Amino acid sequence: MEGLTSLKPSEVQKLLEAGTSVKVKRLFLYFSEAANHSWFKYLNNDKINLGTGKRSFVKNGIYKEKYRVTLIR
């Protein structure tokens, strides 16, 4: 994830809007923000379908409210 510094925000936006896996999109956004990519601030999350409800990648992990996902500790 840290090596994705040269992505074009418009292309990332298109891919996230076209994607069908809510878990993958939420995880991608979480790690993109955590890696502090310069293109992250140009993404329009309102146009990306992140579904409803919570998602879990692991049991008994840490819940991240912003993306409604539970991740490994």
PDB file of N, CA and C in Angstrom:
ATOM      1  N   MET A   1       0.835  -1.192   0.000  1.00  0.00           N
ATOM      2  CA  MET A   1       0.000   0.000   0.000  1.00  0.00           C
ATOM      3  C   MET A   1       0.875   1.249   0.000  1.00  0.00           C
ATOM      4  N   GLU A   2       1.982   1.223   0.703  1.00  0.00           N
ATOM      5  CA  GLU A   2       2.820   2.410   0.795  1.00  0.00           C
ATOM      6  C   GLU A   2       3.454   2.781  -0.542  1.00  0.00           C
ATOM      7  N   GLY A   3       3.550   1.834  -1.465  1.00  0.00           N
ATOM      8  CA  GLY A   3       4.167   2.096  -2.753  1.00  0.00           C
ATOM      9  C   GLY A   3       3.225   2.688  -3.783  1.00  0.00           C
ATOM     10  N   LEU A   4       1.980   2.899  -3.428  1.00  0.00           N
ATOM     11  CA  LEU A   4       0.997   3.397  -4.384  1.00  0.00           C
ATOM     12  C   LEU A   4       0.932   4.920  -4.408  1.00  0.00           C
ATOM     13  N   THR A   5       2.077   5.550  -4.433  1.00  0.00           N
ATOM     14  CA  THR A   5       2.133   7.004  -4.328  1.00  0.00           C
ATOM     15  C   THR A   5       1.775   7.731  -5.620  1.00  0.00           C
ATOM     16  N   SER A   6       1.924   7.073  -6.754  1.00  0.00           N
ATOM     17  CA  SER A   6       1.730   7.774  -8.024  1.00  0.00           C
ATOM     18  C   SER A   6       0.382   7.490  -8.687  1.00  0.00           C
ATOM     19  N   LEU A   7      -0.575   7.005  -7.934  1.00  0.00           N
ATOM     20  CA  LEU A   7      -1.898   6.750  -8.504  1.00  0.00           C
ATOM     21  C   LEU A   7      -2.603   8.061  -8.825  1.00  0.00           C
ATOM     22  N   LYS A   8      -3.405   8.034  -9.871  1.00  0.00           N
ATOM     23  CA  LYS A   8      -4.200   9.210 -10.228  1.00  0.00           C
ATOM     24  C   LYS A   8      -5.518   9.139  -9.466  1.00  0.00           C
ATOM     25  N   PRO A   9      -5.875  10.197  -8.763  1.00  0.00           N
ATOM     26  CA  PRO A   9      -7.116  10.187  -7.984  1.00  0.00           C
ATOM     27  C   PRO A   9      -8.350   9.857  -8.828  1.00  0.00           C
ATOM     28  N   SER A  10      -8.387  10.348 -10.057  1.00  0.00           N
ATOM     29  CA  SER A  10      -9.559  10.095 -10.906  1.00  0.00           C
ATOM     30  C   SER A  10      -9.690   8.610 -11.243  1.00  0.00           C
ATOM     31  N   GLU A  11      -8.566   7.939 -11.448  1.00  0.00           N
ATOM     32  CA  GLU A  11      -8.597   6.506 -11.758  1.00  0.00           C
ATOM     33  C   GLU A  11      -8.989   5.684 -10.525  1.00  0.00           C
ATOM     34  N   VAL A  12      -8.461   6.068  -9.379  1.00  0.00           N
ATOM     35  CA  VAL A  12      -8.820   5.378  -8.137  1.00  0.00           C
ATOM     36  C   VAL A  12     -10.308   5.561  -7.869  1.00  0.00           C
ATOM     37  N   GLN A  13     -10.799   6.765  -8.092  1.00  0.00           N
ATOM     38  CA  GLN A  13     -12.222   7.062  -7.898  1.00  0.00           C
ATOM     39  C   GLN A  13     -13.085   6.166  -8.782  1.00  0.00           C
ATOM     40  N   LYS A  14     -12.722   6.044 -10.064  1.00  0.00           N
ATOM     41  CA  LYS A  14     -13.478   5.199 -10.991  1.00  0.00           C
ATOM     42  C   LYS A  14     -13.495   3.748 -10.526  1.00  0.00           C
ATOM     43  N   LEU A  15     -12.345   3.246 -10.113  1.00  0.00           N
ATOM     44  CA  LEU A  15     -12.260   1.862  -9.670  1.00  0.00           C
ATOM     45  C   LEU A  15     -13.086   1.614  -8.408  1.00  0.00           C
ATOM     46  N   LEU A  16     -13.025   2.541  -7.470  1.00  0.00           N
ATOM     47  CA  LEU A  16     -13.797   2.384  -6.243  1.00  0.00           C
ATOM     48  C   LEU A  16     -15.298   2.473  -6.504  1.00  0.00           C
ATOM     49  N   GLU A  17     -15.694   3.321  -7.416  1.00  0.00           N
ATOM     50  CA  GLU A  17     -17.114   3.428  -7.754  1.00  0.00           C
ATOM     51  C   GLU A  17     -17.615   2.181  -8.473  1.00  0.00           C
ATOM     52  N   ALA A  18     -16.761   1.568  -9.284  1.00  0.00           N
ATOM     53  CA  ALA A  18     -17.151   0.386 -10.056  1.00  0.00           C
ATOM     54  C   ALA A  18     -17.034  -0.909  -9.257  1.00  0.00           C
ATOM     55  N   GLY A  19     -16.262  -0.889  -8.191  1.00  0.00           N
ATOM     56  CA  GLY A  19     -16.046  -2.105  -7.399  1.00  0.00           C
ATOM     57  C   GLY A  19     -17.327  -2.608  -6.752  1.00  0.00           C
ATOM     58  N   THR A  20     -17.387  -3.927  -6.542  1.00  0.00           N
ATOM     59  CA  THR A  20     -18.593  -4.516  -5.959  1.00  0.00           C
ATOM     60  C   THR A  20     -18.383  -5.011  -4.534  1.00  0.00           C
ATOM     61  N   SER A  21     -17.143  -5.143  -4.092  1.00  0.00           N
ATOM     62  CA  SER A  21     -16.870  -5.650  -2.752  1.00  0.00           C
ATOM     63  C   SER A  21     -16.762  -4.493  -1.749  1.00  0.00           C
ATOM     64  N   VAL A  22     -17.735  -4.401  -0.882  1.00  0.00           N
ATOM     65  CA  VAL A  22     -17.747  -3.345   0.127  1.00  0.00           C
ATOM     66  C   VAL A  22     -16.552  -3.496   1.063  1.00  0.00           C
ATOM     67  N   LYS A  23     -16.234  -4.709   1.452  1.00  0.00           N
ATOM     68  CA  LYS A  23     -15.110  -4.930   2.361  1.00  0.00           C
ATOM     69  C   LYS A  23     -13.789  -4.465   1.748  1.00  0.00           C
ATOM     70  N   VAL A  24     -13.585  -4.787   0.491  1.00  0.00           N
ATOM     71  CA  VAL A  24     -12.342  -4.396  -0.184  1.00  0.00           C
ATOM     72  C   VAL A  24     -12.246  -2.879  -0.284  1.00  0.00           C
ATOM     73  N   LYS A  25     -13.336  -2.224  -0.636  1.00  0.00           N
ATOM     74  CA  LYS A  25     -13.319  -0.766  -0.765  1.00  0.00           C
ATOM     75  C   LYS A  25     -13.048  -0.097   0.578  1.00  0.00           C
ATOM     76  N   ARG A  26     -13.696  -0.583   1.620  1.00  0.00           N
ATOM     77  CA  ARG A  26     -13.470   0.000   2.949  1.00  0.00           C
ATOM     78  C   ARG A  26     -12.035  -0.208   3.401  1.00  0.00           C
ATOM     79  N   LEU A  27     -11.503  -1.400   3.175  1.00  0.00           N
ATOM     80  CA  LEU A  27     -10.129  -1.694   3.569  1.00  0.00           C
ATOM     81  C   LEU A  27      -9.145  -0.842   2.775  1.00  0.00           C
ATOM     82  N   PHE A  28      -9.373  -0.713   1.479  1.00  0.00           N
ATOM     83  CA  PHE A  28      -8.506   0.114   0.635  1.00  0.00           C
ATOM     84  C   PHE A  28      -8.501   1.562   1.117  1.00  0.00           C
ATOM     85  N   LEU A  29      -9.671   2.104   1.396  1.00  0.00           N
ATOM     86  CA  LEU A  29      -9.749   3.488   1.868  1.00  0.00           C
ATOM     87  C   LEU A  29      -9.068   3.655   3.221  1.00  0.00           C
ATOM     88  N   TYR A  30      -9.272   2.701   4.107  1.00  0.00           N
ATOM     89  CA  TYR A  30      -8.645   2.781   5.434  1.00  0.00           C
ATOM     90  C   TYR A  30      -7.119   2.811   5.311  1.00  0.00           C
ATOM     91  N   PHE A  31      -6.562   1.868   4.541  1.00  0.00           N
ATOM     92  CA  PHE A  31      -5.102   1.805   4.412  1.00  0.00           C
ATOM     93  C   PHE A  31      -4.546   2.968   3.595  1.00  0.00           C
ATOM     94  N   SER A  32      -5.302   3.478   2.644  1.00  0.00           N
ATOM     95  CA  SER A  32      -4.861   4.647   1.871  1.00  0.00           C
ATOM     96  C   SER A  32      -4.739   5.862   2.774  1.00  0.00           C
ATOM     97  N   GLU A  33      -5.723   6.029   3.633  1.00  0.00           N
ATOM     98  CA  GLU A  33      -5.680   7.151   4.580  1.00  0.00           C
ATOM     99  C   GLU A  33      -4.550   6.959   5.588  1.00  0.00           C
ATOM    100  N   ALA A  34      -4.385   5.742   6.082  1.00  0.00           N
ATOM    101  CA  ALA A  34      -3.329   5.451   7.057  1.00  0.00           C
ATOM    102  C   ALA A  34      -1.939   5.676   6.462  1.00  0.00           C
ATOM    103  N   ALA A  35      -1.788   5.403   5.163  1.00  0.00           N
ATOM    104  CA  ALA A  35      -0.504   5.612   4.491  1.00  0.00           C
ATOM    105  C   ALA A  35      -0.291   7.075   4.114  1.00  0.00           C
ATOM    106  N   ASN A  36      -1.324   7.890   4.335  1.00  0.00           N
ATOM    107  CA  ASN A  36      -1.254   9.333   4.096  1.00  0.00           C
ATOM    108  C   ASN A  36      -0.900   9.664   2.638  1.00  0.00           C
ATOM    109  N   HIS A  37      -1.538   8.980   1.707  1.00  0.00           N
ATOM    110  CA  HIS A  37      -1.287   9.249   0.291  1.00  0.00           C
ATOM    111  C   HIS A  37      -1.825  10.622  -0.090  1.00  0.00           C
ATOM    112  N   SER A  38      -1.079  11.320  -0.914  1.00  0.00           N
ATOM    113  CA  SER A  38      -1.474  12.673  -1.310  1.00  0.00           C
ATOM    114  C   SER A  38      -2.758  12.679  -2.138  1.00  0.00           C
ATOM    115  N   TRP A  39      -3.024  11.611  -2.876  1.00  0.00           N
ATOM    116  CA  TRP A  39      -4.218  11.545  -3.724  1.00  0.00           C
ATOM    117  C   TRP A  39      -5.482  11.226  -2.934  1.00  0.00           C
ATOM    118  N   PHE A  40      -5.338  10.773  -1.702  1.00  0.00           N
ATOM    119  CA  PHE A  40      -6.503  10.367  -0.907  1.00  0.00           C
ATOM    120  C   PHE A  40      -7.491  11.515  -0.696  1.00  0.00           C
ATOM    121  N   LYS A  41      -6.983  12.712  -0.478  1.00  0.00           N
ATOM    122  CA  LYS A  41      -7.851  13.860  -0.190  1.00  0.00           C
ATOM    123  C   LYS A  41      -8.716  14.267  -1.380  1.00  0.00           C
ATOM    124  N   TYR A  42      -8.396  13.778  -2.569  1.00  0.00           N
ATOM    125  CA  TYR A  42      -9.171  14.115  -3.768  1.00  0.00           C
ATOM    126  C   TYR A  42     -10.300  13.124  -4.051  1.00  0.00           C
ATOM    127  N   LEU A  43     -10.385  12.055  -3.280  1.00  0.00           N
ATOM    128  CA  LEU A  43     -11.439  11.072  -3.484  1.00  0.00           C
ATOM    129  C   LEU A  43     -12.754  11.588  -2.914  1.00  0.00           C
ATOM    130  N   ASN A  44     -13.832  11.299  -3.611  1.00  0.00           N
ATOM    131  CA  ASN A  44     -15.162  11.697  -3.172  1.00  0.00           C
ATOM    132  C   ASN A  44     -15.881  10.458  -2.631  1.00  0.00           C
ATOM    133  N   ASN A  45     -15.836  10.275  -1.323  1.00  0.00           N
ATOM    134  CA  ASN A  45     -16.431   9.092  -0.696  1.00  0.00           C
ATOM    135  C   ASN A  45     -17.947   9.048  -0.852  1.00  0.00           C
ATOM    136  N   ASP A  46     -18.563  10.186  -1.107  1.00  0.00           N
ATOM    137  CA  ASP A  46     -20.019  10.215  -1.286  1.00  0.00           C
ATOM    138  C   ASP A  46     -20.458   9.456  -2.533  1.00  0.00           C
ATOM    139  N   LYS A  47     -19.575   9.339  -3.504  1.00  0.00           N
ATOM    140  CA  LYS A  47     -19.900   8.632  -4.736  1.00  0.00           C
ATOM    141  C   LYS A  47     -19.527   7.149  -4.687  1.00  0.00           C
ATOM    142  N   ILE A  48     -18.884   6.730  -3.600  1.00  0.00           N
ATOM    143  CA  ILE A  48     -18.439   5.341  -3.468  1.00  0.00           C
ATOM    144  C   ILE A  48     -19.423   4.607  -2.571  1.00  0.00           C
ATOM    145  N   ASN A  49     -19.992   3.528  -3.092  1.00  0.00           N
ATOM    146  CA  ASN A  49     -20.942   2.741  -2.318  1.00  0.00           C
ATOM    147  C   ASN A  49     -20.182   1.882  -1.307  1.00  0.00           C
ATOM    148  N   LEU A  50     -20.276   2.277  -0.036  1.00  0.00           N
ATOM    149  CA  LEU A  50     -19.616   1.521   1.025  1.00  0.00           C
ATOM    150  C   LEU A  50     -20.607   0.664   1.808  1.00  0.00           C
ATOM    151  N   GLY A  51     -21.805   0.520   1.284  1.00  0.00           N
ATOM    152  CA  GLY A  51     -22.798  -0.334   1.910  1.00  0.00           C
ATOM    153  C   GLY A  51     -23.260   0.211   3.250  1.00  0.00           C
ATOM    154  N   THR A  52     -23.997  -0.627   3.960  1.00  0.00           N
ATOM    155  CA  THR A  52     -24.468  -0.257   5.290  1.00  0.00           C
ATOM    156  C   THR A  52     -24.027  -1.326   6.269  1.00  0.00           C
ATOM    157  N   GLY A  53     -24.047  -0.995   7.514  1.00  0.00           N
ATOM    158  CA  GLY A  53     -23.684  -1.956   8.534  1.00  0.00           C
ATOM    159  C   GLY A  53     -22.179  -2.101   8.703  1.00  0.00           C
ATOM    160  N   LYS A  54     -21.823  -2.949   9.654  1.00  0.00           N
ATOM    161  CA  LYS A  54     -20.422  -3.175   9.994  1.00  0.00           C
ATOM    162  C   LYS A  54     -19.880  -4.370   9.222  1.00  0.00           C
ATOM    163  N   ARG A  55     -18.564  -4.373   9.005  1.00  0.00           N
ATOM    164  CA  ARG A  55     -17.895  -5.497   8.373  1.00  0.00           C
ATOM    165  C   ARG A  55     -16.741  -5.919   9.273  1.00  0.00           C
ATOM    166  N   SER A  56     -16.417  -7.196   9.248  1.00  0.00           N
ATOM    167  CA  SER A  56     -15.352  -7.706  10.099  1.00  0.00           C
ATOM    168  C   SER A  56     -14.388  -8.546   9.280  1.00  0.00           C
ATOM    169  N   PHE A  57     -13.098  -8.291   9.471  1.00  0.00           N
ATOM    170  CA  PHE A  57     -12.060  -9.084   8.836  1.00  0.00           C
ATOM    171  C   PHE A  57     -11.518 -10.133   9.800  1.00  0.00           C
ATOM    172  N   VAL A  58     -11.647  -9.870  11.093  1.00  0.00           N
ATOM    173  CA  VAL A  58     -11.185 -10.789  12.128  1.00  0.00           C
ATOM    174  C   VAL A  58     -12.135 -10.736  13.325  1.00  0.00           C
ATOM    175  N   LYS A  59     -12.116 -11.789  14.116  1.00  0.00           N
ATOM    176  CA  LYS A  59     -12.878 -11.775  15.366  1.00  0.00           C
ATOM    177  C   LYS A  59     -12.032 -11.107  16.442  1.00  0.00           C
ATOM    178  N   ASN A  60     -12.700 -10.390  17.324  1.00  0.00           N
ATOM    179  CA  ASN A  60     -12.038  -9.750  18.470  1.00  0.00           C
ATOM    180  C   ASN A  60     -10.938  -8.787  18.059  1.00  0.00           C
ATOM    181  N   GLY A  61     -11.117  -8.100  16.953  1.00  0.00           N
ATOM    182  CA  GLY A  61     -10.135  -7.119  16.508  1.00  0.00           C
ATOM    183  C   GLY A  61     -10.474  -5.732  17.011  1.00  0.00           C
ATOM    184  N   ILE A  62      -9.908  -4.754  16.364  1.00  0.00           N
ATOM    185  CA  ILE A  62     -10.138  -3.352  16.709  1.00  0.00           C
ATOM    186  C   ILE A  62     -11.115  -2.763  15.703  1.00  0.00           C
ATOM    187  N   TYR A  63     -12.170  -2.149  16.202  1.00  0.00           N
ATOM    188  CA  TYR A  63     -13.207  -1.564  15.347  1.00  0.00           C
ATOM    189  C   TYR A  63     -12.814  -0.139  14.971  1.00  0.00           C
ATOM    190  N   LYS A  64     -12.841   0.145  13.678  1.00  0.00           N
ATOM    191  CA  LYS A  64     -12.553   1.481  13.162  1.00  0.00           C
ATOM    192  C   LYS A  64     -13.872   2.107  12.709  1.00  0.00           C
ATOM    193  N   GLU A  65     -14.353   3.046  13.457  1.00  0.00           N
ATOM    194  CA  GLU A  65     -15.677   3.635  13.260  1.00  0.00           C
ATOM    195  C   GLU A  65     -15.843   4.290  11.887  1.00  0.00           C
ATOM    196  N   LYS A  66     -14.856   5.032  11.435  1.00  0.00           N
ATOM    197  CA  LYS A  66     -14.986   5.794  10.186  1.00  0.00           C
ATOM    198  C   LYS A  66     -15.353   4.892   9.006  1.00  0.00           C
ATOM    199  N   TYR A  67     -14.736   3.721   8.936  1.00  0.00           N
ATOM    200  CA  TYR A  67     -14.993   2.805   7.819  1.00  0.00           C
ATOM    201  C   TYR A  67     -15.845   1.607   8.232  1.00  0.00           C
ATOM    202  N   ARG A  68     -16.264   1.581   9.486  1.00  0.00           N
ATOM    203  CA  ARG A  68     -17.141   0.524  10.017  1.00  0.00           C
ATOM    204  C   ARG A  68     -16.584  -0.876   9.742  1.00  0.00           C
ATOM    205  N   VAL A  69     -15.293  -1.057  10.073  1.00  0.00           N
ATOM    206  CA  VAL A  69     -14.638  -2.350   9.892  1.00  0.00           C
ATOM    207  C   VAL A  69     -13.908  -2.748  11.169  1.00  0.00           C
ATOM    208  N   THR A  70     -13.814  -4.057  11.373  1.00  0.00           N
ATOM    209  CA  THR A  70     -13.027  -4.599  12.481  1.00  0.00           C
ATOM    210  C   THR A  70     -11.785  -5.223  11.890  1.00  0.00           C
ATOM    211  N   LEU A  71     -10.622  -4.753  12.353  1.00  0.00           N
ATOM    212  CA  LEU A  71      -9.330  -5.185  11.829  1.00  0.00           C
ATOM    213  C   LEU A  71      -8.513  -5.874  12.899  1.00  0.00           C
ATOM    214  N   ILE A  72      -7.433  -6.517  12.488  1.00  0.00           N
ATOM    215  CA  ILE A  72      -6.538  -7.210  13.405  1.00  0.00           C
ATOM    216  C   ILE A  72      -5.892  -6.198  14.355  1.00  0.00           C
ATOM    217  N   ARG A  73      -5.595  -6.639  15.520  1.00  0.00           N
ATOM    218  CA  ARG A  73      -4.996  -5.764  16.538  1.00  0.00           C
ATOM    219  C   ARG A  73      -3.588  -5.408  16.223  1.00  0.00           C
TER     220      ARG A  73
END
